[in-house]
Amino acid sequence: MKMKQTQNFKNHTIFLKGFHGLLSIGILGLAGGGVSYLLQGDANATYPASLFILISLLLTVIMWYLRIFPLKAQDRAIRAEENLRHYVLTGKLLPPNLKISQIVALRFAPDDEFLHLIEQTLDKNLTQKEIKKEIKNWKSDEYRV
């Protein structure tokens, strides 16, 4: 049985072999086959080749939205959670000028680092990656997909 590794900055991103790997390779194969078929110059191949290319473009758009829609919903939930956490710690809502990407990164900060990181983020306009690198004691988020 494989032990679950403690989440940190270096390993918190998730690569799903079936979604990111297999599906991407399949779509690229379909597009490549369509282009190859189209380049053969056979007049009878133009229509099916064009369909292969169109299907691969449509699958790419579907794959993109399948990933983006749940992430946007999670970003909203994270913003609400972090707003509540900030309110519990300070009695105030999060500063309105924090970007959602910054709030998403701040969720990994434990309470004792959270407020200082918010100040630092606002003062230096830290990016998501910079915020994550500043966290000393990483707080896992195992529910993000």
C-alpha atoms as a PDB file:
ATOM      1  CA  MET A   1       0.000   0.000   0.000  1.00  0.00           C
ATOM      2  CA  LYS A   2       1.405   3.371  -1.042  1.00  0.00           C
ATOM      3  CA  MET A   3       1.658   5.993   1.710  1.00  0.00           C
ATOM      4  CA  LYS A   4       0.161   9.360   0.802  1.00  0.00           C
ATOM      5  CA  GLN A   5       2.871  11.984   0.578  1.00  0.00           C
ATOM      6  CA  THR A   6       2.469  15.171   2.632  1.00  0.00           C
ATOM      7  CA  GLN A   7       1.413  17.995   0.340  1.00  0.00           C
ATOM      8  CA  ASN A   8       3.841  20.874  -0.189  1.00  0.00           C
ATOM      9  CA  PHE A   9       4.815  23.486  -2.802  1.00  0.00           C
ATOM     10  CA  LYS A  10       6.743  20.988  -4.918  1.00  0.00           C
ATOM     11  CA  ASN A  11       4.065  18.301  -5.104  1.00  0.00           C
ATOM     12  CA  HIS A  12       0.708  20.103  -4.789  1.00  0.00           C
ATOM     13  CA  THR A  13      -0.129  20.134  -8.489  1.00  0.00           C
ATOM     14  CA  ILE A  14      -2.016  17.145  -9.845  1.00  0.00           C
ATOM     15  CA  PHE A  15      -1.388  15.447 -13.186  1.00  0.00           C
ATOM     16  CA  LEU A  16      -4.106  12.973 -14.084  1.00  0.00           C
ATOM     17  CA  LYS A  17      -2.669  10.498 -16.586  1.00  0.00           C
ATOM     18  CA  GLY A  18      -6.047   9.686 -18.107  1.00  0.00           C
ATOM     19  CA  PHE A  19      -7.237  13.277 -18.449  1.00  0.00           C
ATOM     20  CA  HIS A  20      -4.091  15.320 -19.032  1.00  0.00           C
ATOM     21  CA  GLY A  21      -2.096  12.579 -20.734  1.00  0.00           C
ATOM     22  CA  LEU A  22      -4.248  10.034 -22.545  1.00  0.00           C
ATOM     23  CA  LEU A  23      -6.957  12.459 -23.638  1.00  0.00           C
ATOM     24  CA  SER A  24      -4.404  15.003 -24.891  1.00  0.00           C
ATOM     25  CA  ILE A  25      -2.469  12.360 -26.809  1.00  0.00           C
ATOM     26  CA  GLY A  26      -5.719  11.022 -28.295  1.00  0.00           C
ATOM     27  CA  ILE A  27      -6.804  14.461 -29.460  1.00  0.00           C
ATOM     28  CA  LEU A  28      -3.351  15.182 -30.904  1.00  0.00           C
ATOM     29  CA  GLY A  29      -3.407  11.801 -32.678  1.00  0.00           C
ATOM     30  CA  LEU A  30      -6.831  12.538 -34.149  1.00  0.00           C
ATOM     31  CA  ALA A  31      -5.714  15.992 -35.325  1.00  0.00           C
ATOM     32  CA  GLY A  32      -2.415  14.640 -36.676  1.00  0.00           C
ATOM     33  CA  GLY A  33      -4.222  11.856 -38.518  1.00  0.00           C
ATOM     34  CA  GLY A  34      -6.628  14.366 -40.014  1.00  0.00           C
ATOM     35  CA  VAL A  35      -3.827  16.663 -41.170  1.00  0.00           C
ATOM     36  CA  SER A  36      -1.856  13.715 -42.561  1.00  0.00           C
ATOM     37  CA  TYR A  37      -4.928  12.418 -44.356  1.00  0.00           C
ATOM     38  CA  LEU A  38      -5.612  15.915 -45.732  1.00  0.00           C
ATOM     39  CA  LEU A  39      -2.031  16.319 -47.006  1.00  0.00           C
ATOM     40  CA  GLN A  40      -2.263  13.119 -49.065  1.00  0.00           C
ATOM     41  CA  GLY A  41      -4.043  15.211 -51.662  1.00  0.00           C
ATOM     42  CA  ASP A  42      -6.732  12.632 -52.387  1.00  0.00           C
ATOM     43  CA  ALA A  43      -9.983  14.462 -53.190  1.00  0.00           C
ATOM     44  CA  ASN A  44     -11.971  11.681 -51.511  1.00  0.00           C
ATOM     45  CA  ALA A  45      -9.977  12.210 -48.291  1.00  0.00           C
ATOM     46  CA  THR A  46     -10.734  15.924 -47.892  1.00  0.00           C
ATOM     47  CA  TYR A  47     -14.112  15.527 -46.196  1.00  0.00           C
ATOM     48  CA  PRO A  48     -13.156  12.832 -43.621  1.00  0.00           C
ATOM     49  CA  ALA A  49      -9.838  14.578 -42.931  1.00  0.00           C
ATOM     50  CA  SER A  50     -11.646  17.858 -42.307  1.00  0.00           C
ATOM     51  CA  LEU A  51     -14.032  16.051 -39.954  1.00  0.00           C
ATOM     52  CA  PHE A  52     -11.104  14.566 -38.002  1.00  0.00           C
ATOM     53  CA  ILE A  53      -9.577  18.018 -37.609  1.00  0.00           C
ATOM     54  CA  LEU A  54     -12.927  19.576 -36.637  1.00  0.00           C
ATOM     55  CA  ILE A  55     -13.620  16.826 -34.097  1.00  0.00           C
ATOM     56  CA  SER A  56     -10.167  17.270 -32.559  1.00  0.00           C
ATOM     57  CA  LEU A  57     -10.750  21.039 -32.255  1.00  0.00           C
ATOM     58  CA  LEU A  58     -14.151  20.462 -30.659  1.00  0.00           C
ATOM     59  CA  LEU A  59     -12.682  17.897 -28.241  1.00  0.00           C
ATOM     60  CA  THR A  60      -9.973  20.395 -27.299  1.00  0.00           C
ATOM     61  CA  VAL A  61     -12.610  23.007 -26.469  1.00  0.00           C
ATOM     62  CA  ILE A  62     -14.617  20.432 -24.486  1.00  0.00           C
ATOM     63  CA  MET A  63     -11.488  19.324 -22.616  1.00  0.00           C
ATOM     64  CA  TRP A  64     -10.679  22.957 -21.790  1.00  0.00           C
ATOM     65  CA  TYR A  65     -14.137  23.685 -20.395  1.00  0.00           C
ATOM     66  CA  LEU A  66     -14.283  20.371 -18.521  1.00  0.00           C
ATOM     67  CA  ARG A  67     -11.244  21.605 -16.626  1.00  0.00           C
ATOM     68  CA  ILE A  68     -12.128  25.296 -16.267  1.00  0.00           C
ATOM     69  CA  PHE A  69     -15.754  25.061 -15.091  1.00  0.00           C
ATOM     70  CA  PRO A  70     -15.044  23.019 -11.935  1.00  0.00           C
ATOM     71  CA  LEU A  71     -11.957  25.137 -11.168  1.00  0.00           C
ATOM     72  CA  LYS A  72     -14.030  28.326 -11.331  1.00  0.00           C
ATOM     73  CA  ALA A  73     -16.572  26.797  -8.948  1.00  0.00           C
ATOM     74  CA  GLN A  74     -13.759  25.756  -6.613  1.00  0.00           C
ATOM     75  CA  ASP A  75     -12.229  29.233  -6.811  1.00  0.00           C
ATOM     76  CA  ARG A  76     -15.548  30.695  -5.640  1.00  0.00           C
ATOM     77  CA  ALA A  77     -15.686  28.224  -2.754  1.00  0.00           C
ATOM     78  CA  ILE A  78     -12.057  28.961  -1.838  1.00  0.00           C
ATOM     79  CA  ARG A  79     -12.733  32.710  -1.894  1.00  0.00           C
ATOM     80  CA  ALA A  80     -15.697  32.194   0.459  1.00  0.00           C
ATOM     81  CA  GLU A  81     -13.668  29.924   2.773  1.00  0.00           C
ATOM     82  CA  GLU A  82     -10.713  32.301   2.914  1.00  0.00           C
ATOM     83  CA  ASN A  83     -13.031  35.283   3.394  1.00  0.00           C
ATOM     84  CA  LEU A  84     -14.566  33.484   6.380  1.00  0.00           C
ATOM     85  CA  ARG A  85     -11.130  32.567   7.742  1.00  0.00           C
ATOM     86  CA  HIS A  86      -9.973  36.188   7.430  1.00  0.00           C
ATOM     87  CA  TYR A  87     -13.183  37.362   9.104  1.00  0.00           C
ATOM     88  CA  VAL A  88     -12.675  34.932  12.008  1.00  0.00           C
ATOM     89  CA  LEU A  89      -9.073  36.104  12.447  1.00  0.00           C
ATOM     90  CA  THR A  90      -9.661  39.852  12.038  1.00  0.00           C
ATOM     91  CA  GLY A  91     -13.381  40.616  12.159  1.00  0.00           C
ATOM     92  CA  LYS A  92     -13.122  41.976   8.593  1.00  0.00           C
ATOM     93  CA  LEU A  93     -13.557  40.536   5.112  1.00  0.00           C
ATOM     94  CA  LEU A  94     -10.568  39.973   2.836  1.00  0.00           C
ATOM     95  CA  PRO A  95      -9.180  43.121   1.216  1.00  0.00           C
ATOM     96  CA  PRO A  96     -11.100  43.619  -2.048  1.00  0.00           C
ATOM     97  CA  ASN A  97      -7.960  44.240  -4.099  1.00  0.00           C
ATOM     98  CA  LEU A  98      -6.696  40.663  -3.655  1.00  0.00           C
ATOM     99  CA  LYS A  99      -6.950  38.741  -6.932  1.00  0.00           C
ATOM    100  CA  ILE A 100      -8.625  35.346  -6.937  1.00  0.00           C
ATOM    101  CA  SER A 101      -5.321  33.713  -7.923  1.00  0.00           C
ATOM    102  CA  GLN A 102      -3.708  35.247  -4.830  1.00  0.00           C
ATOM    103  CA  ILE A 103      -6.548  34.073  -2.586  1.00  0.00           C
ATOM    104  CA  VAL A 104      -6.289  30.572  -4.044  1.00  0.00           C
ATOM    105  CA  ALA A 105      -2.579  30.537  -3.178  1.00  0.00           C
ATOM    106  CA  LEU A 106      -3.155  31.942   0.312  1.00  0.00           C
ATOM    107  CA  ARG A 107      -5.334  28.960   1.232  1.00  0.00           C
ATOM    108  CA  PHE A 108      -2.148  26.916   1.733  1.00  0.00           C
ATOM    109  CA  ALA A 109      -0.941  29.269   4.483  1.00  0.00           C
ATOM    110  CA  PRO A 110      -1.669  28.283   8.076  1.00  0.00           C
ATOM    111  CA  ASP A 111      -3.486  30.808  10.267  1.00  0.00           C
ATOM    112  CA  ASP A 112      -0.294  32.058  11.909  1.00  0.00           C
ATOM    113  CA  GLU A 113       1.189  32.996   8.497  1.00  0.00           C
ATOM    114  CA  PHE A 114      -2.047  34.000   6.748  1.00  0.00           C
ATOM    115  CA  LEU A 115      -2.381  37.647   7.785  1.00  0.00           C
ATOM    116  CA  HIS A 116       1.304  38.439   7.284  1.00  0.00           C
ATOM    117  CA  LEU A 117       1.193  36.875   3.812  1.00  0.00           C
ATOM    118  CA  ILE A 118      -1.851  38.959   2.908  1.00  0.00           C
ATOM    119  CA  GLU A 119       0.007  42.140   3.885  1.00  0.00           C
ATOM    120  CA  GLN A 120       3.079  41.013   1.970  1.00  0.00           C
ATOM    121  CA  THR A 121       0.942  40.119  -1.059  1.00  0.00           C
ATOM    122  CA  LEU A 122      -0.709  43.521  -1.092  1.00  0.00           C
ATOM    123  CA  ASP A 123       2.563  45.416  -0.519  1.00  0.00           C
ATOM    124  CA  LYS A 124       4.583  43.554  -3.147  1.00  0.00           C
ATOM    125  CA  ASN A 125       1.757  42.378  -5.435  1.00  0.00           C
ATOM    126  CA  LEU A 126       3.002  38.790  -5.101  1.00  0.00           C
ATOM    127  CA  THR A 127       2.024  36.243  -7.726  1.00  0.00           C
ATOM    128  CA  GLN A 128       0.390  32.945  -6.901  1.00  0.00           C
ATOM    129  CA  LYS A 129       3.720  31.133  -7.185  1.00  0.00           C
ATOM    130  CA  GLU A 130       5.542  33.714  -5.043  1.00  0.00           C
ATOM    131  CA  ILE A 131       2.902  33.437  -2.314  1.00  0.00           C
ATOM    132  CA  LYS A 132       3.206  29.663  -2.250  1.00  0.00           C
ATOM    133  CA  LYS A 133       6.997  29.888  -2.009  1.00  0.00           C
ATOM    134  CA  GLU A 134       6.706  32.223   1.012  1.00  0.00           C
ATOM    135  CA  ILE A 135       4.669  29.722   3.022  1.00  0.00           C
ATOM    136  CA  LYS A 136       6.784  28.119   5.725  1.00  0.00           C
ATOM    137  CA  ASN A 137       4.342  25.507   7.104  1.00  0.00           C
ATOM    138  CA  TRP A 138       2.255  24.292   4.196  1.00  0.00           C
ATOM    139  CA  LYS A 139      -1.445  23.649   4.916  1.00  0.00           C
ATOM    140  CA  SER A 140      -2.686  20.881   2.603  1.00  0.00           C
ATOM    141  CA  ASP A 141      -5.746  21.203   0.405  1.00  0.00           C
ATOM    142  CA  GLU A 142      -6.593  17.648  -0.609  1.00  0.00           C
ATOM    143  CA  TYR A 143      -9.978  18.539  -2.117  1.00  0.00           C
ATOM    144  CA  ARG A 144      -8.837  20.631  -5.087  1.00  0.00           C
ATOM    145  CA  VAL A 145      -8.997  18.879  -8.449  1.00  0.00           C
END
